[in-house]
Structure formats: C-alpha cells, structure tokens
Amino acid sequence: GRYWAISIELNIQELFVEVSRLADLKEFLSTELVVFFTACMPIVELRGAIPVGVAMGLSPLHSYFLSLLGSTLPVPIILFSIRPIFNQLKQTTLKGWIDRLSARALLKSDNIQRYGFWGLLLFVAVPLPGTGVWTGSLIASLLDMRFKLAFPAILLGNTVAGAIIMLASHAIA
C-alpha cells in the first residue's frame, strides 16, 4: 500500500513538471507564432516583425529567422495568384482601386524593369516603407517576371533587409 502511494505521488509530481513544461512550450510557441504571422502581414513584414520579436524577449537572430520565414510565405502566393485575382476584381466595382494600386506599384518599378533580378533584389533589400516583399512580388507579377527569376531575387533581398533590421535591433537591444 505504502509503495503505491509513494509511486502515485511521484507520478503526480512528474505530471505537474510535464504540464509546466507544456505551458512553457505553449508560451514560447505563441511568441514565435506572433512573430511569424506578424512578418506575413503586408506593410509590417519582417521589418516590423524582428523588433516585435526582440521586444517579446526573443534574440535578434531568432526573430530574424522567424520573420524571414513568415515574410517569405506570401511571396509564391502573390507571384502566382495576384494577376488572376486582380483580373477578377477588375470586373467589379473595385476596378478603380485595382487600377490605382497597380499604377502606384508600377511607379516604383523603373529600376526593376531596367536591372531585372538585381533591381528587384535591391528594391526589396532596402528596408524602407513600400519596398518589401509584398510590393516587390506585386511589381514582379505585374511585370510578368518569371517565378524562377523573381522568387530568388525577392528572397535574397528580404534576407538582406532582415539582416539590416536584425543588426539595428541588436544594437538597440
């Protein structure tokens, strides 16, 4: 009887230890998911997600990798689907808005048209508002750039932009 009582008590203590580890894991994962999904959002992208991750207690390097993954996720979706979506939306009352959005994006496309891969890479790499992966992907799609050219340029440009932001976040943190 006494052996079973001690055994049950130890198992309950082990269970509490495991539950507390799961709670820590949930808190850790929720922080990582916040950074990842923040990086997926237009405008914010990895430029805003890295500082968010650092502010939430992650290292700048950890925030960088989560943000790079999160901000890269929408790129193939945009490259493959934005033109058909825009074509459908042009058949609705949103035609004017789609035309203005496309015209605004194309106003920023001179260097991309002139320098192709390198122009797109540099456009995305400069961590300024309006020059991230969403706008770069939209411009590449509107210019009919091939995926095998556009995706690596955007990925490398995003990697450079992220490194700049990570270093700035590290200097501040």
N, C-alpha and C. Protein backbone atom coordinates (compact mmCIF):
# COMPACT_ATOMS: atom_id res chain seq x y z
N GLY A 1 0.80 -1.18 0.00
CA GLY A 1 0.00 0.00 0.00
C GLY A 1 0.85 1.26 0.00
N ARG A 2 1.87 1.27 0.90
CA ARG A 2 2.71 2.46 1.03
C ARG A 2 3.50 2.70 -0.26
N TYR A 3 4.00 1.63 -0.88
CA TYR A 3 4.76 1.74 -2.12
C TYR A 3 3.90 2.39 -3.21
N TRP A 4 2.64 1.96 -3.34
CA TRP A 4 1.75 2.52 -4.36
C TRP A 4 1.49 4.00 -4.11
N ALA A 5 1.33 4.38 -2.84
CA ALA A 5 1.07 5.78 -2.51
C ALA A 5 2.26 6.65 -2.90
N ILE A 6 3.47 6.18 -2.61
CA ILE A 6 4.68 6.92 -2.99
C ILE A 6 4.80 6.99 -4.51
N SER A 7 4.52 5.88 -5.18
CA SER A 7 4.59 5.82 -6.63
C SER A 7 3.60 6.78 -7.27
N ILE A 8 2.37 6.82 -6.76
CA ILE A 8 1.34 7.72 -7.30
C ILE A 8 1.75 9.17 -7.06
N GLU A 9 2.28 9.45 -5.86
CA GLU A 9 2.71 10.81 -5.55
C GLU A 9 3.84 11.25 -6.49
N LEU A 10 4.80 10.38 -6.75
CA LEU A 10 5.88 10.71 -7.68
C LEU A 10 5.35 10.93 -9.09
N ASN A 11 4.42 10.08 -9.52
CA ASN A 11 3.85 10.23 -10.85
C ASN A 11 3.08 11.54 -10.98
N ILE A 12 2.39 11.93 -9.92
CA ILE A 12 1.65 13.21 -9.94
C ILE A 12 2.64 14.36 -10.02
N GLN A 13 3.75 14.29 -9.27
CA GLN A 13 4.76 15.33 -9.35
C GLN A 13 5.37 15.40 -10.75
N GLU A 14 5.66 14.26 -11.34
CA GLU A 14 6.19 14.22 -12.71
C GLU A 14 5.19 14.81 -13.69
N LEU A 15 3.90 14.52 -13.46
CA LEU A 15 2.85 15.05 -14.32
C LEU A 15 2.82 16.57 -14.23
N PHE A 16 2.94 17.13 -13.01
CA PHE A 16 2.97 18.57 -12.85
C PHE A 16 4.17 19.19 -13.55
N VAL A 17 5.32 18.52 -13.46
CA VAL A 17 6.52 19.01 -14.15
C VAL A 17 6.28 19.03 -15.66
N GLU A 18 5.69 17.97 -16.19
CA GLU A 18 5.42 17.89 -17.63
C GLU A 18 4.40 18.95 -18.05
N VAL A 19 3.36 19.15 -17.25
CA VAL A 19 2.34 20.16 -17.57
C VAL A 19 2.98 21.55 -17.56
N SER A 20 3.86 21.82 -16.60
CA SER A 20 4.51 23.14 -16.57
C SER A 20 5.44 23.31 -17.78
N ARG A 21 6.08 22.23 -18.21
CA ARG A 21 6.91 22.30 -19.42
C ARG A 21 6.04 22.59 -20.65
N LEU A 22 4.87 21.97 -20.72
CA LEU A 22 3.96 22.23 -21.84
C LEU A 22 3.48 23.68 -21.82
N ALA A 23 3.22 24.21 -20.63
CA ALA A 23 2.80 25.61 -20.52
C ALA A 23 3.92 26.53 -21.02
N ASP A 24 5.17 26.22 -20.62
CA ASP A 24 6.31 27.00 -21.11
C ASP A 24 6.43 26.88 -22.63
N LEU A 25 6.24 25.68 -23.17
CA LEU A 25 6.31 25.46 -24.61
C LEU A 25 5.21 26.25 -25.32
N LYS A 26 4.00 26.24 -24.76
CA LYS A 26 2.89 26.99 -25.36
C LYS A 26 3.21 28.48 -25.39
N GLU A 27 3.75 29.00 -24.27
CA GLU A 27 4.10 30.42 -24.22
C GLU A 27 5.20 30.73 -25.24
N PHE A 28 6.20 29.84 -25.33
CA PHE A 28 7.30 30.02 -26.26
C PHE A 28 6.79 29.98 -27.70
N LEU A 29 5.96 28.98 -28.01
CA LEU A 29 5.44 28.86 -29.37
C LEU A 29 4.52 30.01 -29.72
N SER A 30 3.74 30.48 -28.75
CA SER A 30 2.85 31.58 -29.08
C SER A 30 3.65 32.84 -29.40
N THR A 31 4.77 33.06 -28.73
CA THR A 31 5.63 34.20 -29.06
C THR A 31 6.19 34.02 -30.47
N GLU A 32 6.63 32.82 -30.77
CA GLU A 32 7.18 32.58 -32.11
C GLU A 32 6.11 32.74 -33.18
N LEU A 33 4.91 32.27 -32.91
CA LEU A 33 3.83 32.40 -33.90
C LEU A 33 3.43 33.86 -34.10
N VAL A 34 3.45 34.65 -33.04
CA VAL A 34 3.15 36.08 -33.17
C VAL A 34 4.17 36.72 -34.12
N VAL A 35 5.44 36.42 -33.93
CA VAL A 35 6.48 36.99 -34.79
C VAL A 35 6.31 36.50 -36.22
N PHE A 36 6.10 35.20 -36.39
CA PHE A 36 5.95 34.60 -37.71
C PHE A 36 4.79 35.25 -38.47
N PHE A 37 3.61 35.32 -37.83
CA PHE A 37 2.44 35.86 -38.53
C PHE A 37 2.49 37.37 -38.68
N THR A 38 3.19 38.06 -37.78
CA THR A 38 3.39 39.50 -37.97
C THR A 38 4.19 39.74 -39.24
N ALA A 39 5.19 38.89 -39.46
CA ALA A 39 6.02 39.03 -40.66
C ALA A 39 5.25 38.72 -41.94
N CYS A 40 4.19 37.94 -41.84
CA CYS A 40 3.38 37.61 -43.02
C CYS A 40 2.54 38.80 -43.49
N MET A 41 2.30 39.76 -42.63
CA MET A 41 1.38 40.85 -42.94
C MET A 41 2.00 41.89 -43.86
N PRO A 42 1.19 42.39 -44.81
CA PRO A 42 1.71 43.45 -45.67
C PRO A 42 2.03 44.70 -44.84
N ILE A 43 2.90 45.51 -45.34
CA ILE A 43 3.39 46.74 -44.73
C ILE A 43 4.33 46.44 -43.57
N VAL A 44 3.91 45.62 -42.61
CA VAL A 44 4.75 45.31 -41.44
C VAL A 44 5.91 44.43 -41.86
N GLU A 45 5.61 43.28 -42.43
CA GLU A 45 6.59 42.33 -42.93
C GLU A 45 7.69 42.06 -41.91
N LEU A 46 8.86 41.68 -42.37
CA LEU A 46 9.93 41.36 -41.43
C LEU A 46 10.53 42.61 -40.82
N ARG A 47 10.34 43.74 -41.46
CA ARG A 47 10.87 44.99 -40.95
C ARG A 47 10.25 45.36 -39.61
N GLY A 48 9.00 45.00 -39.42
CA GLY A 48 8.34 45.24 -38.14
C GLY A 48 8.36 44.04 -37.22
N ALA A 49 8.42 42.83 -37.81
CA ALA A 49 8.35 41.61 -37.00
C ALA A 49 9.62 41.36 -36.19
N ILE A 50 10.77 41.71 -36.73
CA ILE A 50 12.02 41.50 -35.98
C ILE A 50 12.02 42.32 -34.69
N PRO A 51 11.74 43.62 -34.75
CA PRO A 51 11.66 44.38 -33.48
C PRO A 51 10.57 43.86 -32.54
N VAL A 52 9.46 43.39 -33.09
CA VAL A 52 8.41 42.81 -32.24
C VAL A 52 8.95 41.60 -31.50
N GLY A 53 9.65 40.72 -32.21
CA GLY A 53 10.22 39.53 -31.58
C GLY A 53 11.22 39.88 -30.49
N VAL A 54 12.08 40.86 -30.77
CA VAL A 54 13.07 41.29 -29.78
C VAL A 54 12.35 41.87 -28.56
N ALA A 55 11.32 42.68 -28.80
CA ALA A 55 10.56 43.26 -27.69
C ALA A 55 9.85 42.19 -26.86
N MET A 56 9.52 41.06 -27.50
CA MET A 56 8.85 39.97 -26.79
C MET A 56 9.84 39.03 -26.11
N GLY A 57 11.14 39.34 -26.20
CA GLY A 57 12.13 38.57 -25.48
C GLY A 57 12.94 37.58 -26.31
N LEU A 58 12.69 37.51 -27.61
CA LEU A 58 13.49 36.62 -28.46
C LEU A 58 14.81 37.32 -28.81
N SER A 59 15.81 36.52 -29.13
CA SER A 59 17.06 37.12 -29.57
C SER A 59 16.86 37.73 -30.97
N PRO A 60 17.67 38.71 -31.33
CA PRO A 60 17.54 39.28 -32.68
C PRO A 60 17.70 38.21 -33.78
N LEU A 61 18.60 37.25 -33.58
CA LEU A 61 18.81 36.21 -34.58
C LEU A 61 17.58 35.30 -34.69
N HIS A 62 17.01 34.92 -33.57
CA HIS A 62 15.81 34.09 -33.58
C HIS A 62 14.65 34.83 -34.25
N SER A 63 14.49 36.11 -33.90
CA SER A 63 13.45 36.93 -34.52
C SER A 63 13.67 37.05 -36.03
N TYR A 64 14.94 37.17 -36.42
CA TYR A 64 15.28 37.29 -37.83
C TYR A 64 14.82 36.06 -38.61
N PHE A 65 15.17 34.86 -38.12
CA PHE A 65 14.81 33.65 -38.86
C PHE A 65 13.30 33.44 -38.91
N LEU A 66 12.60 33.67 -37.80
CA LEU A 66 11.14 33.54 -37.80
C LEU A 66 10.51 34.55 -38.76
N SER A 67 11.03 35.76 -38.74
CA SER A 67 10.49 36.81 -39.60
C SER A 67 10.79 36.55 -41.07
N LEU A 68 11.97 36.04 -41.35
CA LEU A 68 12.32 35.70 -42.73
C LEU A 68 11.38 34.62 -43.27
N LEU A 69 11.14 33.60 -42.46
CA LEU A 69 10.19 32.55 -42.88
C LEU A 69 8.80 33.12 -43.08
N GLY A 70 8.33 33.90 -42.12
CA GLY A 70 6.98 34.45 -42.19
C GLY A 70 6.78 35.39 -43.36
N SER A 71 7.76 36.25 -43.61
CA SER A 71 7.59 37.21 -44.70
C SER A 71 7.79 36.58 -46.08
N THR A 72 8.46 35.44 -46.12
CA THR A 72 8.66 34.75 -47.40
C THR A 72 7.42 33.93 -47.78
N LEU A 73 6.65 33.50 -46.82
CA LEU A 73 5.48 32.67 -47.08
C LEU A 73 4.52 33.24 -48.13
N PRO A 74 4.17 34.53 -48.08
CA PRO A 74 3.22 35.06 -49.08
C PRO A 74 3.77 35.22 -50.49
N VAL A 75 5.09 35.21 -50.65
CA VAL A 75 5.70 35.54 -51.94
C VAL A 75 5.20 34.64 -53.07
N PRO A 76 5.31 33.30 -52.97
CA PRO A 76 4.83 32.48 -54.09
C PRO A 76 3.32 32.64 -54.33
N ILE A 77 2.59 32.84 -53.24
CA ILE A 77 1.14 33.02 -53.38
C ILE A 77 0.85 34.28 -54.18
N ILE A 78 1.55 35.36 -53.86
CA ILE A 78 1.36 36.62 -54.60
C ILE A 78 1.81 36.47 -56.04
N LEU A 79 2.99 35.90 -56.24
CA LEU A 79 3.52 35.77 -57.61
C LEU A 79 2.60 34.96 -58.51
N PHE A 80 2.00 33.91 -57.97
CA PHE A 80 1.15 33.05 -58.80
C PHE A 80 -0.31 33.48 -58.87
N SER A 81 -0.78 34.22 -57.89
CA SER A 81 -2.23 34.44 -57.85
C SER A 81 -2.70 35.88 -57.98
N ILE A 82 -1.83 36.86 -57.86
CA ILE A 82 -2.31 38.25 -57.81
C ILE A 82 -2.90 38.71 -59.14
N ARG A 83 -2.33 38.30 -60.25
CA ARG A 83 -2.89 38.75 -61.55
C ARG A 83 -4.28 38.18 -61.79
N PRO A 84 -4.50 36.87 -61.58
CA PRO A 84 -5.87 36.38 -61.75
C PRO A 84 -6.86 37.03 -60.78
N ILE A 85 -6.41 37.28 -59.55
CA ILE A 85 -7.29 37.94 -58.58
C ILE A 85 -7.60 39.35 -59.04
N PHE A 86 -6.58 40.09 -59.46
CA PHE A 86 -6.80 41.45 -59.96
C PHE A 86 -7.72 41.44 -61.18
N ASN A 87 -7.54 40.50 -62.10
CA ASN A 87 -8.41 40.42 -63.27
C ASN A 87 -9.86 40.19 -62.88
N GLN A 88 -10.08 39.35 -61.87
CA GLN A 88 -11.46 39.13 -61.39
C GLN A 88 -12.01 40.39 -60.73
N LEU A 89 -11.20 41.03 -59.92
CA LEU A 89 -11.66 42.22 -59.20
C LEU A 89 -11.91 43.40 -60.15
N LYS A 90 -11.24 43.42 -61.30
CA LYS A 90 -11.47 44.48 -62.28
C LYS A 90 -12.86 44.37 -62.91
N GLN A 91 -13.49 43.23 -62.74
CA GLN A 91 -14.85 43.04 -63.26
C GLN A 91 -15.90 43.53 -62.26
N THR A 92 -15.44 44.05 -61.11
CA THR A 92 -16.36 44.50 -60.07
C THR A 92 -16.22 46.01 -59.90
N THR A 93 -16.86 46.51 -58.86
CA THR A 93 -16.77 47.94 -58.57
C THR A 93 -15.39 48.33 -58.03
N LEU A 94 -14.53 47.36 -57.80
CA LEU A 94 -13.18 47.63 -57.29
C LEU A 94 -12.17 47.93 -58.40
N LYS A 95 -12.64 48.01 -59.64
CA LYS A 95 -11.74 48.23 -60.77
C LYS A 95 -10.87 49.47 -60.58
N GLY A 96 -11.44 50.56 -60.16
CA GLY A 96 -10.68 51.80 -59.96
C GLY A 96 -9.59 51.64 -58.92
N TRP A 97 -9.93 50.97 -57.82
CA TRP A 97 -8.95 50.75 -56.75
C TRP A 97 -7.81 49.85 -57.24
N ILE A 98 -8.14 48.79 -57.98
CA ILE A 98 -7.12 47.87 -58.51
C ILE A 98 -6.22 48.61 -59.49
N ASP A 99 -6.81 49.44 -60.33
CA ASP A 99 -6.01 50.21 -61.30
C ASP A 99 -5.06 51.17 -60.59
N ARG A 100 -5.54 51.85 -59.54
CA ARG A 100 -4.69 52.78 -58.80
C ARG A 100 -3.56 52.03 -58.07
N LEU A 101 -3.90 50.89 -57.46
CA LEU A 101 -2.90 50.09 -56.76
C LEU A 101 -1.82 49.60 -57.73
N SER A 102 -2.25 49.12 -58.88
CA SER A 102 -1.29 48.66 -59.89
C SER A 102 -0.42 49.80 -60.39
N ALA A 103 -1.03 50.95 -60.65
CA ALA A 103 -0.28 52.12 -61.14
C ALA A 103 0.73 52.58 -60.09
N ARG A 104 0.33 52.61 -58.81
CA ARG A 104 1.26 53.00 -57.74
C ARG A 104 2.44 52.05 -57.66
N ALA A 105 2.17 50.75 -57.77
CA ALA A 105 3.25 49.76 -57.71
C ALA A 105 4.18 49.93 -58.90
N LEU A 106 3.62 50.13 -60.07
CA LEU A 106 4.45 50.25 -61.27
C LEU A 106 5.26 51.54 -61.30
N LEU A 107 4.81 52.58 -60.56
CA LEU A 107 5.60 53.81 -60.46
C LEU A 107 6.96 53.54 -59.80
N LYS A 108 7.01 52.51 -58.98
CA LYS A 108 8.25 52.17 -58.27
C LYS A 108 9.10 51.16 -59.03
N SER A 109 8.72 50.84 -60.25
CA SER A 109 9.33 49.70 -60.94
C SER A 109 10.44 50.04 -61.93
N ASP A 110 10.82 51.31 -62.05
CA ASP A 110 11.83 51.69 -63.06
C ASP A 110 13.11 50.86 -62.97
N ASN A 111 13.71 50.80 -61.77
CA ASN A 111 14.97 50.06 -61.62
C ASN A 111 14.77 48.56 -61.79
N ILE A 112 13.60 48.08 -61.43
CA ILE A 112 13.32 46.65 -61.61
C ILE A 112 13.22 46.33 -63.10
N GLN A 113 12.56 47.21 -63.85
CA GLN A 113 12.47 46.99 -65.29
C GLN A 113 13.85 47.10 -65.93
N ARG A 114 14.65 48.04 -65.48
CA ARG A 114 15.96 48.29 -66.07
C ARG A 114 16.97 47.19 -65.71
N TYR A 115 16.97 46.74 -64.44
CA TYR A 115 18.01 45.83 -63.98
C TYR A 115 17.52 44.42 -63.67
N GLY A 116 16.24 44.15 -63.85
CA GLY A 116 15.69 42.81 -63.68
C GLY A 116 15.92 42.24 -62.30
N PHE A 117 16.60 41.09 -62.24
CA PHE A 117 16.86 40.37 -61.00
C PHE A 117 17.50 41.29 -59.96
N TRP A 118 18.58 41.99 -60.34
CA TRP A 118 19.31 42.83 -59.40
C TRP A 118 18.49 44.03 -58.95
N GLY A 119 17.70 44.58 -59.86
CA GLY A 119 16.82 45.69 -59.49
C GLY A 119 15.78 45.27 -58.47
N LEU A 120 15.20 44.08 -58.67
CA LEU A 120 14.20 43.57 -57.73
C LEU A 120 14.84 43.24 -56.38
N LEU A 121 16.02 42.61 -56.42
CA LEU A 121 16.73 42.29 -55.18
C LEU A 121 17.00 43.57 -54.38
N LEU A 122 17.53 44.59 -55.02
CA LEU A 122 17.83 45.85 -54.33
C LEU A 122 16.57 46.55 -53.85
N PHE A 123 15.50 46.49 -54.65
CA PHE A 123 14.24 47.10 -54.25
C PHE A 123 13.74 46.51 -52.94
N VAL A 124 13.77 45.19 -52.83
CA VAL A 124 13.29 44.52 -51.63
C VAL A 124 14.28 44.67 -50.48
N ALA A 125 15.57 44.75 -50.78
CA ALA A 125 16.61 44.79 -49.75
C ALA A 125 16.64 46.11 -48.97
N VAL A 126 16.21 47.19 -49.59
CA VAL A 126 16.23 48.49 -48.91
C VAL A 126 15.08 48.51 -47.91
N PRO A 127 15.39 48.56 -46.61
CA PRO A 127 14.31 48.49 -45.62
C PRO A 127 13.60 49.82 -45.40
N LEU A 128 12.89 50.24 -46.43
CA LEU A 128 12.08 51.45 -46.35
C LEU A 128 10.62 51.08 -46.57
N PRO A 129 9.71 51.92 -46.08
CA PRO A 129 8.28 51.62 -46.31
C PRO A 129 7.96 51.52 -47.80
N GLY A 130 7.18 50.52 -48.16
CA GLY A 130 6.75 50.36 -49.54
C GLY A 130 7.72 49.62 -50.43
N THR A 131 8.79 49.06 -49.84
CA THR A 131 9.77 48.37 -50.68
C THR A 131 9.97 46.91 -50.27
N GLY A 132 9.02 46.32 -49.62
CA GLY A 132 9.18 44.96 -49.10
C GLY A 132 8.76 43.87 -50.07
N VAL A 133 8.57 42.69 -49.52
CA VAL A 133 8.26 41.52 -50.36
C VAL A 133 6.87 41.61 -50.99
N TRP A 134 5.92 42.23 -50.30
CA TRP A 134 4.58 42.33 -50.89
C TRP A 134 4.62 43.22 -52.13
N THR A 135 5.22 44.40 -52.02
CA THR A 135 5.29 45.31 -53.17
C THR A 135 6.20 44.74 -54.25
N GLY A 136 7.33 44.17 -53.85
CA GLY A 136 8.24 43.55 -54.82
C GLY A 136 7.57 42.41 -55.57
N SER A 137 6.80 41.60 -54.86
CA SER A 137 6.08 40.49 -55.50
C SER A 137 5.00 41.01 -56.44
N LEU A 138 4.29 42.04 -56.00
CA LEU A 138 3.25 42.63 -56.85
C LEU A 138 3.87 43.20 -58.13
N ILE A 139 4.95 43.94 -58.00
CA ILE A 139 5.61 44.52 -59.18
C ILE A 139 6.12 43.41 -60.10
N ALA A 140 6.77 42.40 -59.53
CA ALA A 140 7.27 41.29 -60.35
C ALA A 140 6.14 40.62 -61.11
N SER A 141 5.02 40.44 -60.45
CA SER A 141 3.87 39.82 -61.11
C SER A 141 3.31 40.71 -62.21
N LEU A 142 3.17 42.01 -61.93
CA LEU A 142 2.64 42.94 -62.93
C LEU A 142 3.57 43.10 -64.12
N LEU A 143 4.87 42.90 -63.90
CA LEU A 143 5.85 42.98 -64.99
C LEU A 143 6.04 41.64 -65.69
N ASP A 144 5.28 40.64 -65.29
CA ASP A 144 5.38 39.29 -65.88
C ASP A 144 6.77 38.68 -65.70
N MET A 145 7.43 38.96 -64.59
CA MET A 145 8.73 38.33 -64.32
C MET A 145 8.49 36.85 -64.04
N ARG A 146 9.37 36.03 -64.52
CA ARG A 146 9.25 34.59 -64.29
C ARG A 146 9.54 34.29 -62.82
N PHE A 147 8.84 33.29 -62.30
CA PHE A 147 8.98 32.90 -60.91
C PHE A 147 10.43 32.55 -60.57
N LYS A 148 11.09 31.81 -61.46
CA LYS A 148 12.46 31.37 -61.16
C LYS A 148 13.44 32.53 -61.12
N LEU A 149 13.06 33.69 -61.61
CA LEU A 149 13.87 34.89 -61.51
C LEU A 149 13.41 35.74 -60.33
N ALA A 150 12.10 35.91 -60.20
CA ALA A 150 11.54 36.80 -59.18
C ALA A 150 11.71 36.26 -57.76
N PHE A 151 11.39 34.98 -57.55
CA PHE A 151 11.42 34.45 -56.18
C PHE A 151 12.82 34.53 -55.56
N PRO A 152 13.89 34.08 -56.24
CA PRO A 152 15.21 34.20 -55.61
C PRO A 152 15.61 35.66 -55.35
N ALA A 153 15.26 36.56 -56.25
CA ALA A 153 15.60 37.98 -56.04
C ALA A 153 14.89 38.52 -54.80
N ILE A 154 13.62 38.19 -54.66
CA ILE A 154 12.84 38.65 -53.51
C ILE A 154 13.38 38.01 -52.23
N LEU A 155 13.67 36.73 -52.27
CA LEU A 155 14.19 36.03 -51.10
C LEU A 155 15.53 36.62 -50.65
N LEU A 156 16.44 36.83 -51.60
CA LEU A 156 17.74 37.41 -51.25
C LEU A 156 17.61 38.85 -50.76
N GLY A 157 16.76 39.62 -51.41
CA GLY A 157 16.52 40.99 -50.97
C GLY A 157 15.93 41.03 -49.57
N ASN A 158 15.01 40.13 -49.29
CA ASN A 158 14.40 40.04 -47.97
C ASN A 158 15.43 39.62 -46.92
N THR A 159 16.34 38.74 -47.31
CA THR A 159 17.40 38.29 -46.41
C THR A 159 18.30 39.47 -46.04
N VAL A 160 18.64 40.30 -47.02
CA VAL A 160 19.49 41.47 -46.77
C VAL A 160 18.75 42.48 -45.88
N ALA A 161 17.49 42.77 -46.22
CA ALA A 161 16.70 43.71 -45.42
C ALA A 161 16.58 43.21 -43.98
N GLY A 162 16.35 41.92 -43.82
CA GLY A 162 16.25 41.35 -42.48
C GLY A 162 17.54 41.46 -41.70
N ALA A 163 18.66 41.25 -42.39
CA ALA A 163 19.96 41.37 -41.72
C ALA A 163 20.19 42.80 -41.24
N ILE A 164 19.80 43.77 -42.06
CA ILE A 164 19.94 45.18 -41.67
C ILE A 164 19.10 45.47 -40.43
N ILE A 165 17.85 45.03 -40.46
CA ILE A 165 16.94 45.26 -39.32
C ILE A 165 17.41 44.51 -38.09
N MET A 166 17.90 43.27 -38.28
CA MET A 166 18.38 42.48 -37.15
C MET A 166 19.57 43.19 -36.48
N LEU A 167 20.50 43.68 -37.29
CA LEU A 167 21.65 44.38 -36.73
C LEU A 167 21.22 45.64 -36.00
N ALA A 168 20.26 46.35 -36.56
CA ALA A 168 19.74 47.54 -35.88
C ALA A 168 19.03 47.16 -34.59
N SER A 169 18.27 46.08 -34.61
CA SER A 169 17.58 45.61 -33.40
C SER A 169 18.58 45.15 -32.35
N HIS A 170 19.67 44.52 -32.80
CA HIS A 170 20.69 44.05 -31.88
C HIS A 170 21.41 45.24 -31.23
N ALA A 171 21.62 46.29 -32.00
CA ALA A 171 22.28 47.49 -31.45
C ALA A 171 21.40 48.16 -30.41
N ILE A 172 20.08 48.10 -30.61
CA ILE A 172 19.14 48.73 -29.69
C ILE A 172 18.91 47.85 -28.46
N ALA A 173 18.84 46.51 -28.69
CA ALA A 173 18.51 45.58 -27.60
C ALA A 173 19.59 45.48 -26.56
